[in-house]
Amino acid sequence: MEQRDAVAAIILNKKNEILLQKKDLGHPWTPGEWCFFGGKLEEGKNPIETLREILKRKLGNEIEIGKFFKIYFYKIEYPGGILNGRDYIYICKFNGEVSDIKINEGAGFVFLDKSELDLHPITKHGLEILKEYFGGLV
């Protein structure tokens, strides 16, 4: 079983839509599924600074990192094994235009209204986090 802590962002735009990234089909844990932008948190590193660097690298621009939302303990079973750890989740704001986003990994991105979330294959733990964020209304 592999242990991996991560930082992740619930990124909202001016319309309160959520920015999600689609994992490419070669992704080892969640191929073809939609998830938050984020990445690995190295031991001893600052979660906010790590998230800021990851979002800048993955989206090509600055994202306003807001308040801490929660630590989410996850477990992902996939054909190669089991991955578990903690996600440090932050609420973030994207104040730019869609054309400002230049993703550097994955198969695409989308802004979704909470009413559209059930129309996309969102990772299990991502959907659980969004349900909690929206008070169970997803």
C-alpha atoms as a PDB file:
ATOM      1  CA  MET A   1       0.000   0.000   0.000  1.00  0.00           C
ATOM      2  CA  GLU A   2       1.422   3.359  -1.060  1.00  0.00           C
ATOM      3  CA  GLN A   3       1.065   6.397   1.242  1.00  0.00           C
ATOM      4  CA  ARG A   4       0.783   9.790  -0.458  1.00  0.00           C
ATOM      5  CA  ASP A   5      -0.310  13.091   1.072  1.00  0.00           C
ATOM      6  CA  ALA A   6      -1.484  15.778  -1.315  1.00  0.00           C
ATOM      7  CA  VAL A   7      -2.810  19.308  -1.583  1.00  0.00           C
ATOM      8  CA  ALA A   8      -5.885  20.031  -3.677  1.00  0.00           C
ATOM      9  CA  ALA A   9      -7.978  23.051  -4.597  1.00  0.00           C
ATOM     10  CA  ILE A  10     -11.699  23.567  -4.918  1.00  0.00           C
ATOM     11  CA  ILE A  11     -11.310  26.354  -7.474  1.00  0.00           C
ATOM     12  CA  LEU A  12     -14.350  28.587  -8.004  1.00  0.00           C
ATOM     13  CA  ASN A  13     -14.845  31.178 -10.714  1.00  0.00           C
ATOM     14  CA  LYS A  14     -16.922  34.384 -10.569  1.00  0.00           C
ATOM     15  CA  LYS A  15     -20.115  32.349 -11.223  1.00  0.00           C
ATOM     16  CA  ASN A  16     -19.316  29.953  -8.353  1.00  0.00           C
ATOM     17  CA  GLU A  17     -18.610  27.151 -10.850  1.00  0.00           C
ATOM     18  CA  ILE A  18     -15.951  24.580  -9.968  1.00  0.00           C
ATOM     19  CA  LEU A  19     -12.834  24.041 -12.060  1.00  0.00           C
ATOM     20  CA  LEU A  20     -12.022  20.367 -12.560  1.00  0.00           C
ATOM     21  CA  GLN A  21      -9.317  18.588 -14.501  1.00  0.00           C
ATOM     22  CA  LYS A  22      -9.782  15.399 -16.519  1.00  0.00           C
ATOM     23  CA  LYS A  23      -7.098  12.794 -15.967  1.00  0.00           C
ATOM     24  CA  ASP A  24      -5.702  11.291 -19.152  1.00  0.00           C
ATOM     25  CA  LEU A  25      -6.364   7.623 -19.905  1.00  0.00           C
ATOM     26  CA  GLY A  26      -2.811   6.676 -18.914  1.00  0.00           C
ATOM     27  CA  HIS A  27      -3.194   7.966 -15.360  1.00  0.00           C
ATOM     28  CA  PRO A  28      -2.460   5.101 -12.929  1.00  0.00           C
ATOM     29  CA  TRP A  29      -5.206   5.744 -10.338  1.00  0.00           C
ATOM     30  CA  THR A  30      -8.139   7.568 -11.926  1.00  0.00           C
ATOM     31  CA  PRO A  31      -7.899   7.414 -15.743  1.00  0.00           C
ATOM     32  CA  GLY A  32     -10.550   9.445 -17.544  1.00  0.00           C
ATOM     33  CA  GLU A  33     -12.074  10.785 -14.337  1.00  0.00           C
ATOM     34  CA  TRP A  34     -12.511  14.412 -13.304  1.00  0.00           C
ATOM     35  CA  CYS A  35     -10.775  15.695 -10.176  1.00  0.00           C
ATOM     36  CA  PHE A  36      -9.461  18.761  -8.399  1.00  0.00           C
ATOM     37  CA  PHE A  37      -6.218  20.397  -9.407  1.00  0.00           C
ATOM     38  CA  GLY A  38      -3.479  19.597  -6.923  1.00  0.00           C
ATOM     39  CA  GLY A  39      -0.532  17.353  -6.327  1.00  0.00           C
ATOM     40  CA  LYS A  40       1.835  15.617  -3.977  1.00  0.00           C
ATOM     41  CA  LEU A  41       2.765  17.230  -0.683  1.00  0.00           C
ATOM     42  CA  GLU A  42       6.341  16.420   0.270  1.00  0.00           C
ATOM     43  CA  GLU A  43       6.998  15.764   3.944  1.00  0.00           C
ATOM     44  CA  GLY A  44       7.927  18.939   5.811  1.00  0.00           C
ATOM     45  CA  LYS A  45       6.742  21.262   3.023  1.00  0.00           C
ATOM     46  CA  ASN A  46       4.243  24.093   3.520  1.00  0.00           C
ATOM     47  CA  PRO A  47       0.856  23.054   2.054  1.00  0.00           C
ATOM     48  CA  ILE A  48      -0.132  26.556   0.883  1.00  0.00           C
ATOM     49  CA  GLU A  49       3.187  27.253  -0.833  1.00  0.00           C
ATOM     50  CA  THR A  50       3.149  23.784  -2.394  1.00  0.00           C
ATOM     51  CA  LEU A  51      -0.396  24.308  -3.693  1.00  0.00           C
ATOM     52  CA  ARG A  52       0.505  27.756  -5.061  1.00  0.00           C
ATOM     53  CA  GLU A  53       3.469  26.287  -6.977  1.00  0.00           C
ATOM     54  CA  ILE A  54       1.447  23.331  -8.290  1.00  0.00           C
ATOM     55  CA  LEU A  55      -1.454  25.498  -9.488  1.00  0.00           C
ATOM     56  CA  LYS A  56       0.902  27.955 -11.200  1.00  0.00           C
ATOM     57  CA  ARG A  57       2.656  25.069 -12.974  1.00  0.00           C
ATOM     58  CA  LYS A  58      -0.515  23.180 -13.938  1.00  0.00           C
ATOM     59  CA  LEU A  59      -2.715  26.161 -14.904  1.00  0.00           C
ATOM     60  CA  GLY A  60      -0.174  28.650 -16.176  1.00  0.00           C
ATOM     61  CA  ASN A  61      -1.373  31.503 -13.932  1.00  0.00           C
ATOM     62  CA  GLU A  62      -1.974  32.609 -10.368  1.00  0.00           C
ATOM     63  CA  ILE A  63      -4.931  31.278  -8.420  1.00  0.00           C
ATOM     64  CA  GLU A  64      -6.052  33.057  -5.261  1.00  0.00           C
ATOM     65  CA  ILE A  65      -5.692  30.578  -2.420  1.00  0.00           C
ATOM     66  CA  GLY A  66      -8.362  31.194   0.169  1.00  0.00           C
ATOM     67  CA  LYS A  67      -9.312  29.402   3.319  1.00  0.00           C
ATOM     68  CA  PHE A  68      -8.460  25.905   4.380  1.00  0.00           C
ATOM     69  CA  PHE A  69     -11.494  23.617   3.980  1.00  0.00           C
ATOM     70  CA  LYS A  70     -10.510  20.276   5.492  1.00  0.00           C
ATOM     71  CA  ILE A  71      -8.190  17.300   5.588  1.00  0.00           C
ATOM     72  CA  TYR A  72      -9.736  14.413   3.701  1.00  0.00           C
ATOM     73  CA  PHE A  73      -8.464  10.884   4.309  1.00  0.00           C
ATOM     74  CA  TYR A  74      -8.683   8.855   1.119  1.00  0.00           C
ATOM     75  CA  LYS A  75      -8.087   5.341  -0.121  1.00  0.00           C
ATOM     76  CA  ILE A  76      -7.969   4.530  -3.833  1.00  0.00           C
ATOM     77  CA  GLU A  77      -7.910   0.938  -5.031  1.00  0.00           C
ATOM     78  CA  TYR A  78      -6.601   0.582  -8.561  1.00  0.00           C
ATOM     79  CA  PRO A  79      -5.217  -2.292 -10.660  1.00  0.00           C
ATOM     80  CA  GLY A  80      -1.648  -1.613  -9.465  1.00  0.00           C
ATOM     81  CA  GLY A  81      -2.434  -1.567  -5.755  1.00  0.00           C
ATOM     82  CA  ILE A  82      -3.846   0.717  -3.105  1.00  0.00           C
ATOM     83  CA  LEU A  83      -3.035   4.375  -2.587  1.00  0.00           C
ATOM     84  CA  ASN A  84      -4.011   6.178   0.558  1.00  0.00           C
ATOM     85  CA  GLY A  85      -3.200   9.375   2.373  1.00  0.00           C
ATOM     86  CA  ARG A  86      -4.495  12.798   3.240  1.00  0.00           C
ATOM     87  CA  ASP A  87      -5.691  15.555   0.945  1.00  0.00           C
ATOM     88  CA  TYR A  88      -5.296  19.061   2.345  1.00  0.00           C
ATOM     89  CA  ILE A  89      -8.190  20.856   0.644  1.00  0.00           C
ATOM     90  CA  TYR A  90      -8.283  24.630   0.130  1.00  0.00           C
ATOM     91  CA  ILE A  91     -10.994  26.865  -1.296  1.00  0.00           C
ATOM     92  CA  CYS A  92      -9.515  28.970  -4.110  1.00  0.00           C
ATOM     93  CA  LYS A  93     -10.697  31.656  -6.518  1.00  0.00           C
ATOM     94  CA  PHE A  94     -10.030  32.004 -10.223  1.00  0.00           C
ATOM     95  CA  ASN A  95     -10.673  35.613 -11.234  1.00  0.00           C
ATOM     96  CA  GLY A  96      -9.495  35.412 -14.836  1.00  0.00           C
ATOM     97  CA  GLU A  97     -11.060  34.345 -18.107  1.00  0.00           C
ATOM     98  CA  VAL A  98     -11.236  30.783 -19.431  1.00  0.00           C
ATOM     99  CA  SER A  99      -8.788  31.782 -22.164  1.00  0.00           C
ATOM    100  CA  ASP A 100      -6.217  32.558 -19.436  1.00  0.00           C
ATOM    101  CA  ILE A 101      -5.976  28.885 -18.443  1.00  0.00           C
ATOM    102  CA  LYS A 102      -3.132  26.935 -20.026  1.00  0.00           C
ATOM    103  CA  ILE A 103      -3.144  23.421 -18.563  1.00  0.00           C
ATOM    104  CA  ASN A 104       0.098  21.495 -18.597  1.00  0.00           C
ATOM    105  CA  GLU A 105      -1.192  18.009 -17.833  1.00  0.00           C
ATOM    106  CA  GLY A 106      -4.303  15.902 -18.121  1.00  0.00           C
ATOM    107  CA  ALA A 107      -6.862  15.601 -20.889  1.00  0.00           C
ATOM    108  CA  GLY A 108      -8.720  18.854 -20.328  1.00  0.00           C
ATOM    109  CA  PHE A 109     -10.545  21.068 -17.881  1.00  0.00           C
ATOM    110  CA  VAL A 110     -14.080  22.277 -17.298  1.00  0.00           C
ATOM    111  CA  PHE A 111     -16.008  24.708 -15.113  1.00  0.00           C
ATOM    112  CA  LEU A 112     -19.127  23.040 -13.734  1.00  0.00           C
ATOM    113  CA  ASP A 113     -22.121  24.348 -11.861  1.00  0.00           C
ATOM    114  CA  LYS A 114     -23.050  22.142  -8.895  1.00  0.00           C
ATOM    115  CA  SER A 115     -26.143  20.992 -10.825  1.00  0.00           C
ATOM    116  CA  GLU A 116     -23.857  19.546 -13.540  1.00  0.00           C
ATOM    117  CA  LEU A 117     -21.587  17.484 -11.297  1.00  0.00           C
ATOM    118  CA  ASP A 118     -23.566  14.251 -11.694  1.00  0.00           C
ATOM    119  CA  LEU A 119     -23.096  14.463 -15.477  1.00  0.00           C
ATOM    120  CA  HIS A 120     -19.342  13.836 -15.250  1.00  0.00           C
ATOM    121  CA  PRO A 121     -17.350  10.881 -13.873  1.00  0.00           C
ATOM    122  CA  ILE A 122     -15.789  12.654 -10.887  1.00  0.00           C
ATOM    123  CA  THR A 123     -13.427  10.697  -8.655  1.00  0.00           C
ATOM    124  CA  LYS A 124     -15.186   9.073  -5.719  1.00  0.00           C
ATOM    125  CA  HIS A 125     -13.361  11.103  -3.108  1.00  0.00           C
ATOM    126  CA  GLY A 126     -13.723  14.295  -5.160  1.00  0.00           C
ATOM    127  CA  LEU A 127     -17.485  13.867  -5.279  1.00  0.00           C
ATOM    128  CA  GLU A 128     -17.606  13.167  -1.529  1.00  0.00           C
ATOM    129  CA  ILE A 129     -15.680  16.377  -0.853  1.00  0.00           C
ATOM    130  CA  LEU A 130     -17.967  18.394  -3.138  1.00  0.00           C
ATOM    131  CA  LYS A 131     -21.075  16.983  -1.442  1.00  0.00           C
ATOM    132  CA  GLU A 132     -19.714  18.112   1.890  1.00  0.00           C
ATOM    133  CA  TYR A 133     -18.724  21.508   0.472  1.00  0.00           C
ATOM    134  CA  PHE A 134     -22.218  22.084  -0.911  1.00  0.00           C
ATOM    135  CA  GLY A 135     -23.917  20.678   2.187  1.00  0.00           C
ATOM    136  CA  GLY A 136     -25.034  17.414   0.586  1.00  0.00           C
ATOM    137  CA  LEU A 137     -26.840  19.116  -2.298  1.00  0.00           C
ATOM    138  CA  VAL A 138     -24.870  17.472  -5.119  1.00  0.00           C
END
